[in-house]
Protein backbone atom coordinates (compact mmCIF):
# COMPACT_ATOMS: atom_id res chain seq x y z
CA MET A 1 35.51 110.03 99.89
CA SER A 2 37.61 107.05 100.97
CA LYS A 3 36.73 105.27 97.72
CA ALA A 4 37.96 108.26 95.74
CA ILE A 5 41.28 108.29 97.61
CA THR A 6 41.70 104.55 97.09
CA PHE A 7 40.95 104.91 93.37
CA LEU A 8 43.44 107.81 93.07
CA ALA A 9 46.20 105.81 94.78
CA PHE A 10 45.51 102.84 92.51
CA PHE A 11 45.60 105.11 89.45
CA ILE A 12 48.96 106.63 90.47
CA SER A 13 50.42 103.18 91.08
CA PHE A 14 49.17 102.06 87.69
CA LEU A 15 50.81 105.04 85.99
CA SER A 16 54.08 104.37 87.85
CA LEU A 17 54.00 100.70 86.86
CA GLU A 18 53.26 101.63 83.28
CA ALA A 19 56.19 104.08 83.30
CA GLN A 20 58.48 101.37 84.60
CA GLU A 21 57.34 99.04 81.86
CA LYS A 22 58.18 101.65 79.25
CA ARG A 23 61.87 101.65 80.28
CA THR A 24 64.25 100.06 77.81
CA ASN A 25 67.43 98.16 78.56
CA LEU A 26 70.43 100.39 77.87
CA THR A 27 73.68 98.57 77.09
CA GLY A 28 77.08 100.16 77.14
CA LYS A 29 80.71 99.92 78.16
CA THR A 30 82.91 101.83 80.63
CA VAL A 31 86.40 102.62 79.31
CA LEU A 32 89.63 104.43 80.08
CA ASP A 33 91.50 105.36 76.90
CA SER A 34 89.65 102.58 75.03
CA LEU A 35 90.54 100.01 77.76
CA ALA A 36 87.61 98.30 79.49
CA ILE A 37 86.96 99.06 83.17
CA PRO A 38 85.36 96.19 85.15
CA ASP A 39 83.53 96.37 88.51
CA VAL A 40 82.03 99.83 87.97
CA HIS A 41 78.84 100.37 90.00
CA ILE A 42 75.99 101.94 88.00
CA ILE A 43 72.86 103.24 89.77
CA ASN A 44 69.70 104.57 88.13
CA GLN A 45 68.91 107.34 90.61
CA ASN A 46 65.32 107.55 89.43
CA THR A 47 64.50 103.91 90.17
CA SER A 48 67.30 103.00 92.63
CA SER A 49 68.03 99.95 90.47
CA GLY A 50 71.67 99.18 89.73
CA THR A 51 74.20 96.92 88.07
CA ILE A 52 77.97 96.31 87.86
CA THR A 53 80.13 96.15 84.73
CA ASN A 54 81.55 92.72 83.88
CA THR A 55 85.18 91.84 83.24
CA ASN A 56 84.93 93.35 79.76
CA GLY A 57 83.42 96.59 81.04
CA PHE A 58 79.92 95.92 79.66
CA PHE A 59 76.68 96.69 81.49
CA GLU A 60 72.90 96.65 80.93
CA ILE A 61 70.32 98.67 82.88
CA PRO A 62 66.66 99.71 82.35
CA VAL A 63 66.27 103.45 81.59
CA GLN A 64 63.97 105.99 80.07
CA VAL A 65 64.39 109.58 78.96
CA GLY A 66 65.04 111.83 81.97
CA ASP A 67 66.70 109.18 84.15
CA THR A 68 70.14 109.87 85.65
CA LEU A 69 72.79 107.17 85.82
CA PHE A 70 75.50 107.39 88.48
CA TYR A 71 78.85 105.68 87.77
CA SER A 72 81.09 104.90 90.73
CA HIS A 73 84.47 103.15 91.16
CA LEU A 74 87.16 103.33 93.82
CA LYS A 75 89.92 104.27 91.35
CA TYR A 76 87.93 106.59 89.09
CA ILE A 77 86.09 109.90 89.37
CA ASP A 78 82.32 109.62 89.87
CA LYS A 79 80.25 110.42 86.80
CA TYR A 80 76.60 111.26 86.07
CA ILE A 81 74.84 110.62 82.74
CA VAL A 82 71.39 112.05 81.96
CA ILE A 83 69.42 109.78 79.64
CA THR A 84 68.21 111.48 76.45
CA ASP A 85 66.68 110.21 73.22
CA LYS A 86 70.15 110.37 71.66
CA VAL A 87 71.63 108.21 74.43
CA ILE A 88 68.90 105.59 74.08
CA SER A 89 69.27 105.51 70.27
CA THR A 90 73.03 104.93 70.57
CA LYS A 91 73.70 101.24 69.91
CA LYS A 92 77.20 101.15 71.41
CA LEU A 93 77.39 103.58 74.33
CA ASN A 94 80.93 104.08 75.63
CA ILE A 95 81.24 105.83 78.97
CA PRO A 96 84.79 107.23 79.49
CA LEU A 97 85.96 107.54 83.09
CA GLU A 98 88.89 109.50 84.54
CA GLU A 99 91.38 108.19 87.08
CA LYS A 100 91.36 109.78 90.52
CA THR A 101 94.37 111.88 91.49
CA VAL A 102 95.36 111.66 95.14
CA VAL A 103 97.00 114.83 96.46
CA LEU A 104 99.27 114.13 99.42
CA LYS A 105 99.73 116.56 102.26
CA GLU A 106 102.90 118.62 102.36
CA ILE A 107 105.73 116.96 104.24
CA VAL A 108 108.89 118.46 105.72
CA LEU A 109 112.11 116.53 105.23
CA GLU A 110 114.34 116.56 108.27
CA LYS A 111 118.06 116.00 108.33
CA GLN A 112 119.07 113.09 106.14
CA GLN A 113 119.71 109.93 108.13
CA SER A 114 122.13 107.15 107.33
CA ILE A 115 120.74 103.81 106.23
CA PHE A 116 122.20 102.41 109.48
CA TYR A 117 120.15 104.82 111.62
CA GLN A 118 117.96 103.10 114.23
CA ASP A 119 114.68 104.80 115.06
CA PRO A 120 114.45 105.05 118.88
CA GLU A 121 110.67 104.67 118.68
CA ILE A 122 111.10 101.29 116.99
CA LEU A 123 114.22 100.16 118.84
CA PRO A 124 114.17 101.71 122.35
CA ASN A 125 117.23 101.96 124.62
CA ASN A 126 119.42 102.91 121.67
CA GLY A 127 118.85 99.62 119.90
CA ILE A 128 120.58 96.27 120.37
CA VAL A 129 124.31 96.28 121.09
CA ILE A 130 126.03 93.80 118.81
CA ASN A 131 129.65 92.89 119.39
CA ALA A 132 131.84 89.85 119.89
CA LYS A 133 130.70 89.38 123.50
CA THR A 134 126.95 89.68 122.83
CA LEU A 135 127.31 87.20 119.96
CA ASN A 136 129.42 84.85 122.12
CA LEU A 137 132.10 84.55 119.47
CA PRO A 138 135.13 82.34 120.29
CA TYR A 139 137.61 85.23 120.29
CA ALA A 140 135.45 87.55 122.42
CA ASN A 141 137.43 87.12 125.65
CA ILE A 142 140.91 86.62 124.19
CA ILE A 143 143.47 89.16 125.43
CA THR A 144 146.40 89.62 123.09
CA LYS A 145 149.82 89.31 124.61
CA GLU A 146 151.52 92.67 124.91
CA ASP A 147 154.80 93.09 123.08
CA LYS A 148 157.33 94.30 125.63
CA SER A 149 159.95 95.32 123.10
CA LEU A 150 160.54 99.06 123.27
CA LEU A 151 162.11 101.45 120.84
CA LYS A 152 164.24 104.10 122.52
CA PHE A 153 164.99 107.44 120.98
CA SER A 154 168.01 109.65 121.58
CA SER A 155 165.77 111.98 123.56
CA GLY A 156 165.31 109.28 126.14
CA ALA A 157 161.66 108.64 125.25
CA ALA A 158 160.53 105.07 124.71
CA ILE A 159 157.61 103.62 122.72
CA ASN A 160 156.28 100.15 122.08
CA LEU A 161 157.29 99.44 118.50
CA ALA A 162 154.60 96.85 117.86
CA SER A 163 151.91 99.17 119.21
CA LEU A 164 153.13 101.98 116.96
CA ILE A 165 153.03 99.77 113.86
CA ASN A 166 149.64 98.38 114.79
CA LEU A 167 148.34 101.89 115.41
CA ILE A 168 149.48 103.13 112.00
CA ASN A 169 148.24 100.05 110.16
CA GLY A 170 145.03 99.93 112.18
CA ASN A 171 144.16 103.55 111.53
CA ALA A 172 144.78 103.16 107.81
CA LYS A 173 142.69 100.01 107.71
CA ARG A 174 139.86 101.54 109.71
CA GLU A 175 139.88 104.64 107.51
CA LYS A 176 139.65 102.47 104.42
CA GLN A 177 136.83 100.39 105.94
CA LEU A 178 134.92 103.52 106.96
CA LYS A 179 135.18 104.91 103.43
CA GLU A 180 133.93 101.63 101.98
CA MET A 181 131.05 101.50 104.49
CA ALA A 182 130.12 105.11 103.75
CA LEU A 183 130.09 104.39 100.01
CA GLU A 184 127.98 101.25 100.51
CA ASP A 185 125.69 103.22 102.81
CA THR A 186 125.11 105.87 100.12
CA GLU A 187 124.46 103.31 97.39
CA LEU A 188 122.11 101.20 99.55
CA LYS A 189 120.13 104.32 100.46
CA LYS A 190 119.67 104.97 96.72
CA VAL A 191 118.21 101.47 96.36
CA ARG A 192 115.88 101.94 99.34
CA ASP A 193 114.72 105.38 98.13
CA TYR A 194 114.14 104.09 94.60
CA PHE A 195 111.86 101.22 95.63
CA THR A 196 110.37 102.98 98.74
CA ASP A 197 109.66 101.37 102.12
CA ASP A 198 106.14 100.47 101.01
CA PHE A 199 107.59 98.11 98.36
CA PHE A 200 109.75 96.29 100.93
CA ILE A 201 106.90 96.03 103.46
CA THR A 202 103.98 95.24 101.13
CA ASP A 203 105.57 93.33 98.24
CA LEU A 204 108.61 91.71 99.83
CA LYS A 205 106.92 91.16 103.24
CA ILE A 206 109.90 92.58 105.15
CA GLU A 207 109.20 94.51 108.35
CA LYS A 208 110.45 98.10 108.41
CA ILE A 209 112.97 97.44 111.18
CA TYR A 210 114.63 94.74 109.03
CA ILE A 211 114.89 96.65 105.70
CA ASN A 212 118.42 97.93 106.40
CA GLN A 213 119.58 94.50 107.52
CA PHE A 214 118.05 92.95 104.38
CA LEU A 215 119.82 95.43 102.09
CA ASN A 216 123.13 94.86 103.87
CA ASP A 217 122.72 91.11 103.34
CA CYS A 218 122.22 91.80 99.63
CA ILE A 219 125.67 93.39 99.39
CA ASP A 220 127.15 89.89 99.09
CA LYS A 221 124.82 89.36 96.12
CA ASN A 222 126.35 92.41 94.36
CA ILE A 223 123.17 94.47 94.61
CA ILE A 224 125.15 97.73 94.36
CA ARG A 225 126.86 96.68 91.13
CA VAL A 226 123.57 95.44 89.66
CA PHE A 227 121.80 98.68 90.66
CA LYS A 228 124.48 100.77 88.94
CA ARG A 229 123.78 98.99 85.66
CA GLU A 230 120.49 100.92 85.59
CA ASN A 231 118.62 97.72 84.76
CA LYS A 232 116.04 97.92 87.53
CA LEU A 233 114.44 94.63 86.46
CA ASP A 234 117.60 92.74 87.47
CA VAL A 235 117.60 94.56 90.82
CA LEU A 236 113.93 93.71 91.33
CA ASN A 237 114.54 90.02 90.59
CA LEU A 238 117.48 89.99 93.01
CA LEU A 239 115.43 91.59 95.81
CA MET A 240 112.49 89.24 95.29
CA ARG A 241 114.76 86.19 95.28
CA GLU A 242 116.66 87.21 98.42
CA SER A 243 113.49 88.26 100.28
CA LYS A 244 112.28 84.64 100.19
CA LEU A 245 115.44 83.54 102.03
CA PHE A 246 115.69 86.51 104.39
CA PRO A 247 113.01 85.44 106.93
CA LYS A 248 114.82 82.13 107.31
CA ARG A 249 118.10 83.90 108.07
CA ILE A 250 116.41 86.04 110.73
CA VAL A 251 115.01 82.93 112.45
CA GLU A 252 118.39 81.17 112.34
CA GLU A 253 120.16 84.18 113.88
CA GLU A 254 117.57 84.48 116.64
CA LEU A 255 117.81 80.77 117.42
CA TYR A 256 121.60 81.03 117.53
CA LEU A 257 121.47 83.85 120.04
CA THR A 258 118.88 82.01 122.15
CA ASN A 259 120.90 78.80 122.24
CA GLN A 260 123.97 80.68 123.37
């Protein structure tokens, strides 16, 4: 009885080996709209043997009629091919793959924030206060001498003439500056939205908390005027060029503050 079982197991193994030997090497190419796709993993699910397409998209794998080939790639939809006589007889087998489509979850946009907005989660305690005193500028502690000259009206009221003139001129100047800053803010936000934060972080290597500062530095390089030309390649070149200098400016500013 044991001899019969041994003979049967040997016979089955022989048939399996013979079936393996009857497999032929199938050659083909994985493509996307006639363009070759490299690094595609191909598994013969009947034999668990596999291969990977080369840089030109070509592959070679042993198959026989009835086998199923599984094609897998990170950027493309998985595909299964059942081997038939027609497939084996095909001299140039092209396997078209489809790109994966990633569906993002629905997001809710909150109230639009200015480009100068500081996220409290990133910069706690309402951010860093920057003024003449914190920067230790020479004029930080200078107190202007008050003009004592008064202008008297017939009603008996009196007003400091210099203060009145400064108030009028100062308000007009501040209003003009605020309008210019608001306009720059709007235009810089268009630049940031167009390229997305991921571009600044991943490609330009700028941390998220420094993106606004980086864009403000680019104002001196006429980024707003270049962006309005609608030649995004010029804007891209400007951003890439300035991003290489930006980390150095951050270090210099931090060293300046530390030394003070």
